[in-house]
């Protein structure tokens, strides 16, 4: 796994997440899962986050018809929000 090798070379912690495991059937819980993962990464800093199979939920925003009211779109939006704030949150 290339991402794990990069983390080891940088002497950083490594967290691997399977994209589909982020989605749940309850409204808002998927986004909470994303926030929890990023909180764990902040606590374990320096840290490399590896999202495996993210392409299964991040096809194209707005194109996931029948995915429970846009759950995949909300998860991707939450990931992007968390990534945008990685350098400012402590």
N, C-alpha and C. Protein backbone atom coordinates (compact mmCIF):
# COMPACT_ATOMS: atom_id res chain seq x y z
N UNK A 1 0.85 -1.18 0.00
CA UNK A 1 0.00 0.00 0.00
C UNK A 1 0.89 1.23 0.00
N UNK A 2 0.80 1.99 -1.04
CA UNK A 2 1.65 3.17 -1.22
C UNK A 2 1.40 4.23 -0.15
N UNK A 3 0.14 4.44 0.20
CA UNK A 3 -0.17 5.47 1.21
C UNK A 3 0.45 5.14 2.56
N UNK A 4 0.44 3.87 2.92
CA UNK A 4 1.04 3.46 4.19
C UNK A 4 2.55 3.65 4.16
N UNK A 5 3.17 3.36 3.03
CA UNK A 5 4.61 3.57 2.89
C UNK A 5 4.96 5.05 3.01
N UNK A 6 4.12 5.91 2.44
CA UNK A 6 4.35 7.35 2.55
C UNK A 6 4.26 7.79 4.01
N UNK A 7 3.25 7.29 4.72
CA UNK A 7 3.09 7.63 6.13
C UNK A 7 4.30 7.18 6.94
N UNK A 8 4.79 5.97 6.67
CA UNK A 8 5.96 5.47 7.38
C UNK A 8 7.19 6.31 7.08
N UNK A 9 7.36 6.67 5.83
CA UNK A 9 8.52 7.48 5.43
C UNK A 9 8.48 8.86 6.09
N UNK A 10 7.29 9.39 6.26
CA UNK A 10 7.13 10.72 6.89
C UNK A 10 7.04 10.63 8.40
N UNK A 11 7.13 9.42 8.93
CA UNK A 11 6.98 9.17 10.37
C UNK A 11 5.66 9.73 10.88
N UNK A 12 4.60 9.45 10.13
CA UNK A 12 3.26 9.91 10.48
C UNK A 12 2.38 8.70 10.78
N UNK A 13 1.34 8.92 11.53
CA UNK A 13 0.35 7.88 11.77
C UNK A 13 -0.44 7.66 10.50
N UNK A 14 -1.08 6.49 10.40
CA UNK A 14 -1.82 6.11 9.19
C UNK A 14 -3.20 5.63 9.57
N UNK A 15 -4.22 6.21 8.95
CA UNK A 15 -5.60 5.77 9.16
C UNK A 15 -6.20 5.45 7.80
N UNK A 16 -6.70 4.23 7.64
CA UNK A 16 -7.32 3.80 6.39
C UNK A 16 -8.83 3.69 6.61
N UNK A 17 -9.60 4.27 5.70
CA UNK A 17 -11.05 4.26 5.79
C UNK A 17 -11.61 3.75 4.48
N UNK A 18 -12.55 2.82 4.56
CA UNK A 18 -13.24 2.36 3.36
C UNK A 18 -14.42 3.28 3.12
N UNK A 19 -14.46 3.91 1.95
CA UNK A 19 -15.48 4.89 1.62
C UNK A 19 -16.91 4.44 1.90
N UNK A 20 -17.32 3.26 1.43
CA UNK A 20 -18.71 2.83 1.66
C UNK A 20 -19.07 2.66 3.13
N UNK A 21 -18.09 2.42 3.99
CA UNK A 21 -18.38 2.26 5.41
C UNK A 21 -18.79 3.58 6.07
N UNK A 22 -18.57 4.69 5.39
CA UNK A 22 -18.98 5.99 5.94
C UNK A 22 -20.50 6.17 5.89
N UNK A 23 -21.13 5.55 4.90
CA UNK A 23 -22.57 5.73 4.71
C UNK A 23 -23.38 4.89 5.68
N UNK A 24 -24.38 5.51 6.29
CA UNK A 24 -25.31 4.79 7.16
C UNK A 24 -26.73 5.13 6.73
N UNK A 25 -27.69 4.42 7.29
CA UNK A 25 -29.08 4.65 6.90
C UNK A 25 -29.72 5.80 7.66
N UNK A 26 -29.08 6.31 8.68
CA UNK A 26 -29.67 7.37 9.49
C UNK A 26 -29.20 8.73 9.03
N UNK A 27 -30.13 9.66 8.92
CA UNK A 27 -29.84 11.00 8.42
C UNK A 27 -28.86 11.71 9.35
N UNK A 28 -27.77 12.23 8.79
CA UNK A 28 -26.78 12.98 9.55
C UNK A 28 -25.69 12.14 10.18
N UNK A 29 -25.90 10.84 10.29
CA UNK A 29 -24.89 9.97 10.93
C UNK A 29 -23.66 9.79 10.05
N UNK A 30 -23.85 9.76 8.74
CA UNK A 30 -22.72 9.61 7.82
C UNK A 30 -21.77 10.80 7.94
N UNK A 31 -22.34 12.00 8.00
CA UNK A 31 -21.51 13.19 8.15
C UNK A 31 -20.80 13.20 9.50
N UNK A 32 -21.48 12.71 10.53
CA UNK A 32 -20.86 12.61 11.86
C UNK A 32 -19.70 11.63 11.83
N UNK A 33 -19.82 10.55 11.05
CA UNK A 33 -18.72 9.60 10.91
C UNK A 33 -17.49 10.28 10.32
N UNK A 34 -17.70 11.13 9.32
CA UNK A 34 -16.59 11.85 8.69
C UNK A 34 -15.93 12.79 9.70
N UNK A 35 -16.75 13.54 10.45
CA UNK A 35 -16.19 14.46 11.46
C UNK A 35 -15.38 13.69 12.50
N UNK A 36 -15.87 12.52 12.90
CA UNK A 36 -15.17 11.70 13.90
C UNK A 36 -13.82 11.23 13.38
N UNK A 37 -13.77 10.82 12.12
CA UNK A 37 -12.51 10.36 11.52
C UNK A 37 -11.49 11.50 11.48
N UNK A 38 -11.93 12.68 11.07
CA UNK A 38 -11.01 13.81 11.02
C UNK A 38 -10.59 14.26 12.41
N UNK A 39 -11.48 14.15 13.39
CA UNK A 39 -11.10 14.46 14.78
C UNK A 39 -10.02 13.50 15.27
N UNK A 40 -10.18 12.20 14.96
CA UNK A 40 -9.16 11.22 15.33
C UNK A 40 -7.83 11.53 14.66
N UNK A 41 -7.89 11.94 13.39
CA UNK A 41 -6.66 12.27 12.66
C UNK A 41 -5.97 13.48 13.28
N UNK A 42 -6.75 14.47 13.69
CA UNK A 42 -6.16 15.65 14.34
C UNK A 42 -5.49 15.27 15.65
N UNK A 43 -6.11 14.36 16.40
CA UNK A 43 -5.53 13.92 17.67
C UNK A 43 -4.26 13.11 17.45
N UNK A 44 -4.18 12.41 16.31
CA UNK A 44 -3.03 11.56 16.01
C UNK A 44 -2.00 12.26 15.14
N UNK A 45 -2.11 13.56 14.98
CA UNK A 45 -1.22 14.32 14.09
C UNK A 45 0.24 14.14 14.48
N UNK A 46 1.13 14.05 13.51
CA UNK A 46 0.89 14.05 12.07
C UNK A 46 0.26 12.73 11.62
N UNK A 47 -0.62 12.81 10.65
CA UNK A 47 -1.40 11.65 10.26
C UNK A 47 -1.71 11.69 8.76
N UNK A 48 -1.70 10.52 8.14
CA UNK A 48 -2.11 10.37 6.75
C UNK A 48 -3.44 9.64 6.75
N UNK A 49 -4.46 10.25 6.15
CA UNK A 49 -5.77 9.61 5.98
C UNK A 49 -5.83 9.02 4.58
N UNK A 50 -6.22 7.75 4.49
CA UNK A 50 -6.35 7.10 3.20
C UNK A 50 -7.78 6.63 3.05
N UNK A 51 -8.49 7.19 2.07
CA UNK A 51 -9.87 6.80 1.79
C UNK A 51 -9.86 5.77 0.67
N UNK A 52 -10.06 4.51 1.03
CA UNK A 52 -10.09 3.41 0.07
C UNK A 52 -11.50 3.32 -0.52
N UNK A 53 -11.60 3.08 -1.80
CA UNK A 53 -12.87 2.91 -2.50
C UNK A 53 -13.76 4.15 -2.39
N UNK A 54 -13.17 5.32 -2.25
CA UNK A 54 -13.97 6.54 -2.15
C UNK A 54 -14.73 6.80 -3.44
N UNK A 55 -14.20 6.30 -4.55
CA UNK A 55 -14.87 6.51 -5.83
C UNK A 55 -16.25 5.87 -5.88
N UNK A 56 -16.52 4.91 -5.00
CA UNK A 56 -17.84 4.28 -4.99
C UNK A 56 -18.93 5.21 -4.47
N UNK A 57 -18.55 6.21 -3.65
CA UNK A 57 -19.55 7.17 -3.19
C UNK A 57 -19.33 8.56 -3.76
N UNK A 58 -18.19 8.78 -4.41
CA UNK A 58 -17.86 10.12 -4.93
C UNK A 58 -17.87 10.14 -6.45
N UNK A 59 -18.88 9.56 -7.03
CA UNK A 59 -18.93 9.51 -8.50
C UNK A 59 -19.04 10.90 -9.09
N UNK A 60 -20.17 11.52 -8.90
CA UNK A 60 -20.39 12.90 -9.36
C UNK A 60 -21.46 13.48 -8.47
N UNK A 61 -21.18 14.62 -7.89
CA UNK A 61 -22.16 15.21 -6.99
C UNK A 61 -23.45 15.50 -7.74
N UNK A 62 -24.56 15.12 -7.11
CA UNK A 62 -25.86 15.32 -7.72
C UNK A 62 -26.27 14.18 -8.64
N UNK A 63 -25.40 13.23 -8.89
CA UNK A 63 -25.71 12.14 -9.81
C UNK A 63 -26.04 10.83 -9.13
N UNK A 64 -26.15 10.81 -7.82
CA UNK A 64 -26.43 9.58 -7.09
C UNK A 64 -27.92 9.46 -6.80
N UNK A 65 -28.68 9.10 -7.80
CA UNK A 65 -30.13 8.99 -7.66
C UNK A 65 -30.45 7.77 -6.81
N UNK A 66 -31.33 7.96 -5.83
CA UNK A 66 -31.76 6.86 -4.99
C UNK A 66 -30.78 6.48 -3.91
N UNK A 67 -29.94 7.38 -3.47
CA UNK A 67 -28.96 7.04 -2.43
C UNK A 67 -29.40 7.53 -1.06
N UNK A 68 -30.68 7.61 -0.84
CA UNK A 68 -31.15 8.01 0.49
C UNK A 68 -31.14 9.51 0.68
N UNK A 69 -31.60 10.23 -0.31
CA UNK A 69 -31.70 11.68 -0.15
C UNK A 69 -30.39 12.42 -0.29
N UNK A 70 -29.46 11.89 -1.05
CA UNK A 70 -28.20 12.60 -1.28
C UNK A 70 -27.16 12.37 -0.21
N UNK A 71 -27.20 11.22 0.46
CA UNK A 71 -26.25 10.93 1.54
C UNK A 71 -24.81 10.99 1.04
N UNK A 72 -24.56 10.44 -0.14
CA UNK A 72 -23.19 10.44 -0.67
C UNK A 72 -22.72 11.87 -0.93
N UNK A 73 -23.61 12.72 -1.44
CA UNK A 73 -23.24 14.12 -1.67
C UNK A 73 -22.91 14.81 -0.36
N UNK A 74 -23.70 14.55 0.68
CA UNK A 74 -23.45 15.18 1.98
C UNK A 74 -22.13 14.71 2.57
N UNK A 75 -21.81 13.43 2.40
CA UNK A 75 -20.55 12.89 2.92
C UNK A 75 -19.37 13.54 2.20
N UNK A 76 -19.45 13.65 0.88
CA UNK A 76 -18.36 14.28 0.12
C UNK A 76 -18.22 15.74 0.52
N UNK A 77 -19.34 16.43 0.68
CA UNK A 77 -19.28 17.83 1.12
C UNK A 77 -18.63 17.95 2.49
N UNK A 78 -18.94 17.02 3.39
CA UNK A 78 -18.34 17.05 4.73
C UNK A 78 -16.84 16.77 4.67
N UNK A 79 -16.43 15.82 3.82
CA UNK A 79 -15.00 15.53 3.66
C UNK A 79 -14.28 16.77 3.14
N UNK A 80 -14.85 17.42 2.14
CA UNK A 80 -14.22 18.62 1.58
C UNK A 80 -14.15 19.74 2.62
N UNK A 81 -15.19 19.88 3.42
CA UNK A 81 -15.18 20.90 4.48
C UNK A 81 -14.10 20.61 5.50
N UNK A 82 -13.98 19.35 5.91
CA UNK A 82 -12.96 18.97 6.89
C UNK A 82 -11.56 19.16 6.32
N UNK A 83 -11.37 18.81 5.05
CA UNK A 83 -10.05 18.99 4.43
C UNK A 83 -9.70 20.46 4.34
N UNK A 84 -10.68 21.29 4.06
CA UNK A 84 -10.45 22.72 3.95
C UNK A 84 -10.01 23.32 5.28
N UNK A 85 -10.47 22.75 6.37
CA UNK A 85 -10.14 23.29 7.69
C UNK A 85 -9.04 22.56 8.42
N UNK A 86 -8.33 21.66 7.76
CA UNK A 86 -7.31 20.86 8.45
C UNK A 86 -6.18 21.72 9.00
N UNK A 87 -5.79 22.76 8.31
CA UNK A 87 -4.64 23.54 8.78
C UNK A 87 -5.01 24.54 9.86
N UNK A 88 -6.30 24.85 10.01
CA UNK A 88 -6.69 25.88 10.97
C UNK A 88 -7.18 25.31 12.29
N UNK A 89 -7.76 24.11 12.28
CA UNK A 89 -8.29 23.55 13.52
C UNK A 89 -7.18 22.95 14.35
N UNK A 90 -7.29 23.10 15.65
CA UNK A 90 -6.28 22.52 16.56
C UNK A 90 -6.99 21.78 17.66
